[in-house]
Amino acid sequence: MLLKIIHQYIADIDLAIEYKDEIWYKILSKIDKSRDGKFFAWIVTIAKNYCISQYRKKRHILELDFDIEEEVDDKWEKILDRK
């Protein structure tokens, strides 16, 4: 059931399986803080927030990589223009 929830947010099944293990760890470490009667909603919220958090981290890394590539391209253009 948890994998199905994660797979709604993550298209890559291998990555979803990896996230499942990490999310189970979060759930088990916070189980004493769960609210009575809303356990399933609590699990869905943890899974959703974890997936969003991972997406934001990866998006930020990709943006940084793109910026670095632009800087390298600019430097190469300057070097090539000198010749």
PDB file of N, CA and C in Angstrom:
ATOM      1  N   MET A   1       0.821  -1.191   0.000  1.00  0.00           N
ATOM      2  CA  MET A   1       0.000   0.000   0.000  1.00  0.00           C
ATOM      3  C   MET A   1       0.871   1.264   0.000  1.00  0.00           C
ATOM      4  N   LEU A   2       1.909   1.274   0.825  1.00  0.00           N
ATOM      5  CA  LEU A   2       2.793   2.435   0.888  1.00  0.00           C
ATOM      6  C   LEU A   2       3.492   2.664  -0.448  1.00  0.00           C
ATOM      7  N   LEU A   3       3.924   1.579  -1.076  1.00  0.00           N
ATOM      8  CA  LEU A   3       4.599   1.707  -2.371  1.00  0.00           C
ATOM      9  C   LEU A   3       3.656   2.314  -3.415  1.00  0.00           C
ATOM     10  N   LYS A   4       2.410   1.946  -3.370  1.00  0.00           N
ATOM     11  CA  LYS A   4       1.423   2.503  -4.303  1.00  0.00           C
ATOM     12  C   LYS A   4       1.262   4.014  -4.092  1.00  0.00           C
ATOM     13  N   ILE A   5       1.257   4.442  -2.839  1.00  0.00           N
ATOM     14  CA  ILE A   5       1.151   5.864  -2.517  1.00  0.00           C
ATOM     15  C   ILE A   5       2.373   6.610  -3.051  1.00  0.00           C
ATOM     16  N   ILE A   6       3.552   6.057  -2.799  1.00  0.00           N
ATOM     17  CA  ILE A   6       4.797   6.694  -3.241  1.00  0.00           C
ATOM     18  C   ILE A   6       4.848   6.749  -4.763  1.00  0.00           C
ATOM     19  N   HIS A   7       4.428   5.673  -5.404  1.00  0.00           N
ATOM     20  CA  HIS A   7       4.478   5.593  -6.864  1.00  0.00           C
ATOM     21  C   HIS A   7       3.571   6.629  -7.529  1.00  0.00           C
ATOM     22  N   GLN A   8       2.606   7.158  -6.812  1.00  0.00           N
ATOM     23  CA  GLN A   8       1.786   8.248  -7.345  1.00  0.00           C
ATOM     24  C   GLN A   8       2.613   9.517  -7.523  1.00  0.00           C
ATOM     25  N   TYR A   9       3.650   9.666  -6.713  1.00  0.00           N
ATOM     26  CA  TYR A   9       4.495  10.859  -6.771  1.00  0.00           C
ATOM     27  C   TYR A   9       5.799  10.620  -7.523  1.00  0.00           C
ATOM     28  N   ILE A  10       6.270   9.375  -7.521  1.00  0.00           N
ATOM     29  CA  ILE A  10       7.552   9.028  -8.127  1.00  0.00           C
ATOM     30  C   ILE A  10       7.296   8.023  -9.247  1.00  0.00           C
ATOM     31  N   ALA A  11       7.639   8.393 -10.467  1.00  0.00           N
ATOM     32  CA  ALA A  11       7.379   7.524 -11.618  1.00  0.00           C
ATOM     33  C   ALA A  11       8.335   6.330 -11.672  1.00  0.00           C
ATOM     34  N   ASP A  12       9.570   6.528 -11.246  1.00  0.00           N
ATOM     35  CA  ASP A  12      10.585   5.480 -11.292  1.00  0.00           C
ATOM     36  C   ASP A  12      10.339   4.484 -10.153  1.00  0.00           C
ATOM     37  N   ILE A  13       9.990   3.252 -10.503  1.00  0.00           N
ATOM     38  CA  ILE A  13       9.629   2.250  -9.491  1.00  0.00           C
ATOM     39  C   ILE A  13      10.816   1.895  -8.600  1.00  0.00           C
ATOM     40  N   ASP A  14      12.020   1.853  -9.153  1.00  0.00           N
ATOM     41  CA  ASP A  14      13.192   1.543  -8.332  1.00  0.00           C
ATOM     42  C   ASP A  14      13.433   2.632  -7.287  1.00  0.00           C
ATOM     43  N   LEU A  15      13.264   3.857  -7.693  1.00  0.00           N
ATOM     44  CA  LEU A  15      13.414   4.969  -6.761  1.00  0.00           C
ATOM     45  C   LEU A  15      12.290   4.954  -5.721  1.00  0.00           C
ATOM     46  N   ALA A  16      11.092   4.590  -6.144  1.00  0.00           N
ATOM     47  CA  ALA A  16       9.963   4.497  -5.221  1.00  0.00           C
ATOM     48  C   ALA A  16      10.217   3.429  -4.166  1.00  0.00           C
ATOM     49  N   ILE A  17      10.822   2.319  -4.564  1.00  0.00           N
ATOM     50  CA  ILE A  17      11.145   1.252  -3.608  1.00  0.00           C
ATOM     51  C   ILE A  17      12.204   1.748  -2.613  1.00  0.00           C
ATOM     52  N   GLU A  18      13.179   2.474  -3.113  1.00  0.00           N
ATOM     53  CA  GLU A  18      14.206   3.041  -2.225  1.00  0.00           C
ATOM     54  C   GLU A  18      13.575   4.012  -1.229  1.00  0.00           C
ATOM     55  N   TYR A  19      12.694   4.868  -1.706  1.00  0.00           N
ATOM     56  CA  TYR A  19      12.015   5.823  -0.835  1.00  0.00           C
ATOM     57  C   TYR A  19      11.145   5.106   0.191  1.00  0.00           C
ATOM     58  N   LYS A  20      10.537   3.997  -0.210  1.00  0.00           N
ATOM     59  CA  LYS A  20       9.668   3.244   0.698  1.00  0.00           C
ATOM     60  C   LYS A  20      10.415   2.854   1.964  1.00  0.00           C
ATOM     61  N   ASP A  21      11.629   2.354   1.799  1.00  0.00           N
ATOM     62  CA  ASP A  21      12.420   1.952   2.960  1.00  0.00           C
ATOM     63  C   ASP A  21      12.712   3.142   3.867  1.00  0.00           C
ATOM     64  N   GLU A  22      13.070   4.264   3.273  1.00  0.00           N
ATOM     65  CA  GLU A  22      13.374   5.458   4.057  1.00  0.00           C
ATOM     66  C   GLU A  22      12.124   6.005   4.746  1.00  0.00           C
ATOM     67  N   ILE A  23      10.996   5.937   4.062  1.00  0.00           N
ATOM     68  CA  ILE A  23       9.746   6.424   4.649  1.00  0.00           C
ATOM     69  C   ILE A  23       9.302   5.515   5.790  1.00  0.00           C
ATOM     70  N   TRP A  24       9.463   4.202   5.647  1.00  0.00           N
ATOM     71  CA  TRP A  24       9.123   3.281   6.741  1.00  0.00           C
ATOM     72  C   TRP A  24       9.954   3.602   7.969  1.00  0.00           C
ATOM     73  N   TYR A  25      11.227   3.916   7.755  1.00  0.00           N
ATOM     74  CA  TYR A  25      12.077   4.288   8.886  1.00  0.00           C
ATOM     75  C   TYR A  25      11.528   5.529   9.579  1.00  0.00           C
ATOM     76  N   LYS A  26      11.110   6.534   8.788  1.00  0.00           N
ATOM     77  CA  LYS A  26      10.534   7.754   9.367  1.00  0.00           C
ATOM     78  C   LYS A  26       9.252   7.439  10.133  1.00  0.00           C
ATOM     79  N   ILE A  27       8.410   6.600   9.548  1.00  0.00           N
ATOM     80  CA  ILE A  27       7.149   6.242  10.194  1.00  0.00           C
ATOM     81  C   ILE A  27       7.412   5.545  11.528  1.00  0.00           C
ATOM     82  N   LEU A  28       8.311   4.570  11.511  1.00  0.00           N
ATOM     83  CA  LEU A  28       8.587   3.820  12.734  1.00  0.00           C
ATOM     84  C   LEU A  28       9.254   4.682  13.805  1.00  0.00           C
ATOM     85  N   SER A  29      10.063   5.647  13.384  1.00  0.00           N
ATOM     86  CA  SER A  29      10.718   6.508  14.371  1.00  0.00           C
ATOM     87  C   SER A  29       9.757   7.534  14.979  1.00  0.00           C
ATOM     88  N   LYS A  30       8.630   7.783  14.294  1.00  0.00           N
ATOM     89  CA  LYS A  30       7.666   8.773  14.788  1.00  0.00           C
ATOM     90  C   LYS A  30       6.332   8.138  15.176  1.00  0.00           C
ATOM     91  N   ILE A  31       6.312   6.821  15.310  1.00  0.00           N
ATOM     92  CA  ILE A  31       5.045   6.112  15.537  1.00  0.00           C
ATOM     93  C   ILE A  31       4.365   6.558  16.837  1.00  0.00           C
ATOM     94  N   ASP A  32       5.137   6.932  17.843  1.00  0.00           N
ATOM     95  CA  ASP A  32       4.542   7.350  19.111  1.00  0.00           C
ATOM     96  C   ASP A  32       3.851   8.712  19.007  1.00  0.00           C
ATOM     97  N   LYS A  33       4.134   9.461  17.943  1.00  0.00           N
ATOM     98  CA  LYS A  33       3.517  10.772  17.746  1.00  0.00           C
ATOM     99  C   LYS A  33       2.279  10.712  16.852  1.00  0.00           C
ATOM    100  N   SER A  34       1.919   9.525  16.391  1.00  0.00           N
ATOM    101  CA  SER A  34       0.771   9.408  15.483  1.00  0.00           C
ATOM    102  C   SER A  34      -0.522   9.734  16.222  1.00  0.00           C
ATOM    103  N   ARG A  35      -1.490  10.207  15.474  1.00  0.00           N
ATOM    104  CA  ARG A  35      -2.782  10.562  16.051  1.00  0.00           C
ATOM    105  C   ARG A  35      -3.734   9.377  15.938  1.00  0.00           C
ATOM    106  N   ASP A  36      -4.487   9.152  16.973  1.00  0.00           N
ATOM    107  CA  ASP A  36      -5.460   8.048  16.966  1.00  0.00           C
ATOM    108  C   ASP A  36      -6.554   8.319  15.943  1.00  0.00           C
ATOM    109  N   GLY A  37      -6.911   7.299  15.186  1.00  0.00           N
ATOM    110  CA  GLY A  37      -8.004   7.404  14.235  1.00  0.00           C
ATOM    111  C   GLY A  37      -7.622   7.969  12.882  1.00  0.00           C
ATOM    112  N   LYS A  38      -6.463   8.579  12.772  1.00  0.00           N
ATOM    113  CA  LYS A  38      -6.046   9.169  11.505  1.00  0.00           C
ATOM    114  C   LYS A  38      -4.689   8.598  11.078  1.00  0.00           C
ATOM    115  N   PHE A  39      -4.457   7.353  11.399  1.00  0.00           N
ATOM    116  CA  PHE A  39      -3.159   6.727  11.160  1.00  0.00           C
ATOM    117  C   PHE A  39      -2.830   6.660   9.671  1.00  0.00           C
ATOM    118  N   PHE A  40      -3.785   6.241   8.850  1.00  0.00           N
ATOM    119  CA  PHE A  40      -3.539   6.127   7.416  1.00  0.00           C
ATOM    120  C   PHE A  40      -3.249   7.497   6.796  1.00  0.00           C
ATOM    121  N   ALA A  41      -4.013   8.499   7.180  1.00  0.00           N
ATOM    122  CA  ALA A  41      -3.783   9.851   6.664  1.00  0.00           C
ATOM    123  C   ALA A  41      -2.411  10.359   7.093  1.00  0.00           C
ATOM    124  N   TRP A  42      -1.994  10.001   8.296  1.00  0.00           N
ATOM    125  CA  TRP A  42      -0.687  10.396   8.801  1.00  0.00           C
ATOM    126  C   TRP A  42       0.428   9.767   7.964  1.00  0.00           C
ATOM    127  N   ILE A  43       0.276   8.488   7.630  1.00  0.00           N
ATOM    128  CA  ILE A  43       1.268   7.786   6.794  1.00  0.00           C
ATOM    129  C   ILE A  43       1.326   8.410   5.401  1.00  0.00           C
ATOM    130  N   VAL A  44       0.179   8.692   4.812  1.00  0.00           N
ATOM    131  CA  VAL A  44       0.131   9.309   3.485  1.00  0.00           C
ATOM    132  C   VAL A  44       0.817  10.668   3.514  1.00  0.00           C
ATOM    133  N   THR A  45       0.591  11.444   4.561  1.00  0.00           N
ATOM    134  CA  THR A  45       1.217  12.762   4.675  1.00  0.00           C
ATOM    135  C   THR A  45       2.732  12.645   4.767  1.00  0.00           C
ATOM    136  N   ILE A  46       3.227  11.716   5.548  1.00  0.00           N
ATOM    137  CA  ILE A  46       4.673  11.519   5.664  1.00  0.00           C
ATOM    138  C   ILE A  46       5.257  11.126   4.309  1.00  0.00           C
ATOM    139  N   ALA A  47       4.609  10.192   3.619  1.00  0.00           N
ATOM    140  CA  ALA A  47       5.092   9.743   2.311  1.00  0.00           C
ATOM    141  C   ALA A  47       5.088  10.881   1.300  1.00  0.00           C
ATOM    142  N   LYS A  48       4.002  11.624   1.257  1.00  0.00           N
ATOM    143  CA  LYS A  48       3.890  12.741   0.311  1.00  0.00           C
ATOM    144  C   LYS A  48       4.964  13.791   0.584  1.00  0.00           C
ATOM    145  N   ASN A  49       5.108  14.173   1.835  1.00  0.00           N
ATOM    146  CA  ASN A  49       6.099  15.199   2.190  1.00  0.00           C
ATOM    147  C   ASN A  49       7.518  14.739   1.895  1.00  0.00           C
ATOM    148  N   TYR A  50       7.799  13.470   2.115  1.00  0.00           N
ATOM    149  CA  TYR A  50       9.133  12.950   1.824  1.00  0.00           C
ATOM    150  C   TYR A  50       9.414  13.006   0.321  1.00  0.00           C
ATOM    151  N   CYS A  51       8.458  12.599  -0.490  1.00  0.00           N
ATOM    152  CA  CYS A  51       8.628  12.619  -1.950  1.00  0.00           C
ATOM    153  C   CYS A  51       8.832  14.045  -2.452  1.00  0.00           C
ATOM    154  N   ILE A  52       8.060  14.976  -1.934  1.00  0.00           N
ATOM    155  CA  ILE A  52       8.202  16.371  -2.334  1.00  0.00           C
ATOM    156  C   ILE A  52       9.570  16.903  -1.927  1.00  0.00           C
ATOM    157  N   SER A  53       9.991  16.567  -0.725  1.00  0.00           N
ATOM    158  CA  SER A  53      11.300  17.008  -0.237  1.00  0.00           C
ATOM    159  C   SER A  53      12.430  16.481  -1.116  1.00  0.00           C
ATOM    160  N   GLN A  54      12.362  15.204  -1.492  1.00  0.00           N
ATOM    161  CA  GLN A  54      13.386  14.620  -2.348  1.00  0.00           C
ATOM    162  C   GLN A  54      13.381  15.265  -3.730  1.00  0.00           C
ATOM    163  N   TYR A  55      12.201  15.549  -4.248  1.00  0.00           N
ATOM    164  CA  TYR A  55      12.102  16.214  -5.545  1.00  0.00           C
ATOM    165  C   TYR A  55      12.773  17.579  -5.506  1.00  0.00           C
ATOM    166  N   ARG A  56      12.494  18.334  -4.450  1.00  0.00           N
ATOM    167  CA  ARG A  56      13.082  19.670  -4.325  1.00  0.00           C
ATOM    168  C   ARG A  56      14.604  19.602  -4.217  1.00  0.00           C
ATOM    169  N   LYS A  57      15.113  18.633  -3.468  1.00  0.00           N
ATOM    170  CA  LYS A  57      16.564  18.484  -3.347  1.00  0.00           C
ATOM    171  C   LYS A  57      17.192  18.170  -4.698  1.00  0.00           C
ATOM    172  N   LYS A  58      16.594  17.245  -5.432  1.00  0.00           N
ATOM    173  CA  LYS A  58      17.148  16.864  -6.733  1.00  0.00           C
ATOM    174  C   LYS A  58      17.019  18.009  -7.738  1.00  0.00           C
ATOM    175  N   ARG A  59      15.918  18.722  -7.687  1.00  0.00           N
ATOM    176  CA  ARG A  59      15.726  19.850  -8.601  1.00  0.00           C
ATOM    177  C   ARG A  59      16.780  20.919  -8.335  1.00  0.00           C
ATOM    178  N   HIS A  60      17.064  21.162  -7.067  1.00  0.00           N
ATOM    179  CA  HIS A  60      18.078  22.153  -6.699  1.00  0.00           C
ATOM    180  C   HIS A  60      19.458  21.725  -7.202  1.00  0.00           C
ATOM    181  N   ILE A  61      19.783  20.460  -7.084  1.00  0.00           N
ATOM    182  CA  ILE A  61      21.070  19.948  -7.560  1.00  0.00           C
ATOM    183  C   ILE A  61      21.151  20.088  -9.076  1.00  0.00           C
ATOM    184  N   LEU A  62      20.077  19.772  -9.778  1.00  0.00           N
ATOM    185  CA  LEU A  62      20.070  19.903 -11.233  1.00  0.00           C
ATOM    186  C   LEU A  62      20.239  21.359 -11.651  1.00  0.00           C
ATOM    187  N   GLU A  63      19.605  22.276 -10.937  1.00  0.00           N
ATOM    188  CA  GLU A  63      19.748  23.693 -11.251  1.00  0.00           C
ATOM    189  C   GLU A  63      21.189  24.134 -11.038  1.00  0.00           C
ATOM    190  N   LEU A  64      21.825  23.657  -9.977  1.00  0.00           N
ATOM    191  CA  LEU A  64      23.219  24.001  -9.730  1.00  0.00           C
ATOM    192  C   LEU A  64      24.112  23.461 -10.836  1.00  0.00           C
ATOM    193  N   ASP A  65      23.873  22.216 -11.253  1.00  0.00           N
ATOM    194  CA  ASP A  65      24.666  21.626 -12.330  1.00  0.00           C
ATOM    195  C   ASP A  65      24.514  22.428 -13.619  1.00  0.00           C
ATOM    196  N   PHE A  66      23.310  22.870 -13.907  1.00  0.00           N
ATOM    197  CA  PHE A  66      23.060  23.645 -15.122  1.00  0.00           C
ATOM    198  C   PHE A  66      23.807  24.975 -15.067  1.00  0.00           C
ATOM    199  N   ASP A  67      23.786  25.618 -13.915  1.00  0.00           N
ATOM    200  CA  ASP A  67      24.503  26.887 -13.763  1.00  0.00           C
ATOM    201  C   ASP A  67      26.001  26.698 -13.962  1.00  0.00           C
ATOM    202  N   ILE A  68      26.548  25.625 -13.434  1.00  0.00           N
ATOM    203  CA  ILE A  68      27.969  25.342 -13.583  1.00  0.00           C
ATOM    204  C   ILE A  68      28.304  25.109 -15.053  1.00  0.00           C
ATOM    205  N   GLU A  69      27.453  24.371 -15.758  1.00  0.00           N
ATOM    206  CA  GLU A  69      27.687  24.117 -17.183  1.00  0.00           C
ATOM    207  C   GLU A  69      27.692  25.434 -17.968  1.00  0.00           C
ATOM    208  N   GLU A  70      26.782  26.340 -17.634  1.00  0.00           N
ATOM    209  CA  GLU A  70      26.745  27.629 -18.320  1.00  0.00           C
ATOM    210  C   GLU A  70      28.032  28.408 -18.073  1.00  0.00           C
ATOM    211  N   GLU A  71      28.528  28.379 -16.833  1.00  0.00           N
ATOM    212  CA  GLU A  71      29.769  29.078 -16.519  1.00  0.00           C
ATOM    213  C   GLU A  71      30.935  28.480 -17.297  1.00  0.00           C
ATOM    214  N   VAL A  72      31.004  27.177 -17.397  1.00  0.00           N
ATOM    215  CA  VAL A  72      32.082  26.515 -18.131  1.00  0.00           C
ATOM    216  C   VAL A  72      31.986  26.869 -19.613  1.00  0.00           C
ATOM    217  N   ASP A  73      30.775  26.839 -20.161  1.00  0.00           N
ATOM    218  CA  ASP A  73      30.587  27.199 -21.570  1.00  0.00           C
ATOM    219  C   ASP A  73      31.035  28.630 -21.829  1.00  0.00           C
ATOM    220  N   ASP A  74      30.686  29.541 -20.915  1.00  0.00           N
ATOM    221  CA  ASP A  74      31.092  30.940 -21.073  1.00  0.00           C
ATOM    222  C   ASP A  74      32.613  31.077 -21.053  1.00  0.00           C
ATOM    223  N   LYS A  75      33.252  30.348 -20.153  1.00  0.00           N
ATOM    224  CA  LYS A  75      34.717  30.417 -20.071  1.00  0.00           C
ATOM    225  C   LYS A  75      35.363  29.868 -21.338  1.00  0.00           C
ATOM    226  N   TRP A  76      34.818  28.769 -21.864  1.00  0.00           N
ATOM    227  CA  TRP A  76      35.371  28.206 -23.102  1.00  0.00           C
ATOM    228  C   TRP A  76      35.181  29.158 -24.276  1.00  0.00           C
ATOM    229  N   GLU A  77      34.040  29.809 -24.344  1.00  0.00           N
ATOM    230  CA  GLU A  77      33.797  30.773 -25.416  1.00  0.00           C
ATOM    231  C   GLU A  77      34.809  31.910 -25.355  1.00  0.00           C
ATOM    232  N   LYS A  78      35.106  32.388 -24.161  1.00  0.00           N
ATOM    233  CA  LYS A  78      36.089  33.461 -24.007  1.00  0.00           C
ATOM    234  C   LYS A  78      37.473  32.984 -24.433  1.00  0.00           C
ATOM    235  N   ILE A  79      37.821  31.756 -24.052  1.00  0.00           N
ATOM    236  CA  ILE A  79      39.132  31.202 -24.419  1.00  0.00           C
ATOM    237  C   ILE A  79      39.236  31.041 -25.923  1.00  0.00           C
ATOM    238  N   LEU A  80      38.183  30.529 -26.546  1.00  0.00           N
ATOM    239  CA  LEU A  80      38.197  30.306 -27.988  1.00  0.00           C
ATOM    240  C   LEU A  80      38.172  31.619 -28.763  1.00  0.00           C
ATOM    241  N   ASP A  81      37.529  32.625 -28.222  1.00  0.00           N
ATOM    242  CA  ASP A  81      37.497  33.937 -28.889  1.00  0.00           C
ATOM    243  C   ASP A  81      38.855  34.614 -28.884  1.00  0.00           C
ATOM    244  N   ARG A  82      39.682  34.298 -27.923  1.00  0.00           N
ATOM    245  CA  ARG A  82      41.027  34.896 -27.838  1.00  0.00           C
ATOM    246  C   ARG A  82      41.929  34.419 -28.957  1.00  0.00           C
ATOM    247  N   LYS A  83      41.694  33.233 -29.450  1.00  0.00           N
ATOM    248  CA  LYS A  83      42.589  32.652 -30.476  1.00  0.00           C
ATOM    249  C   LYS A  83      42.346  33.217 -31.828  1.00  0.00           C
TER     250      LYS A  83
END
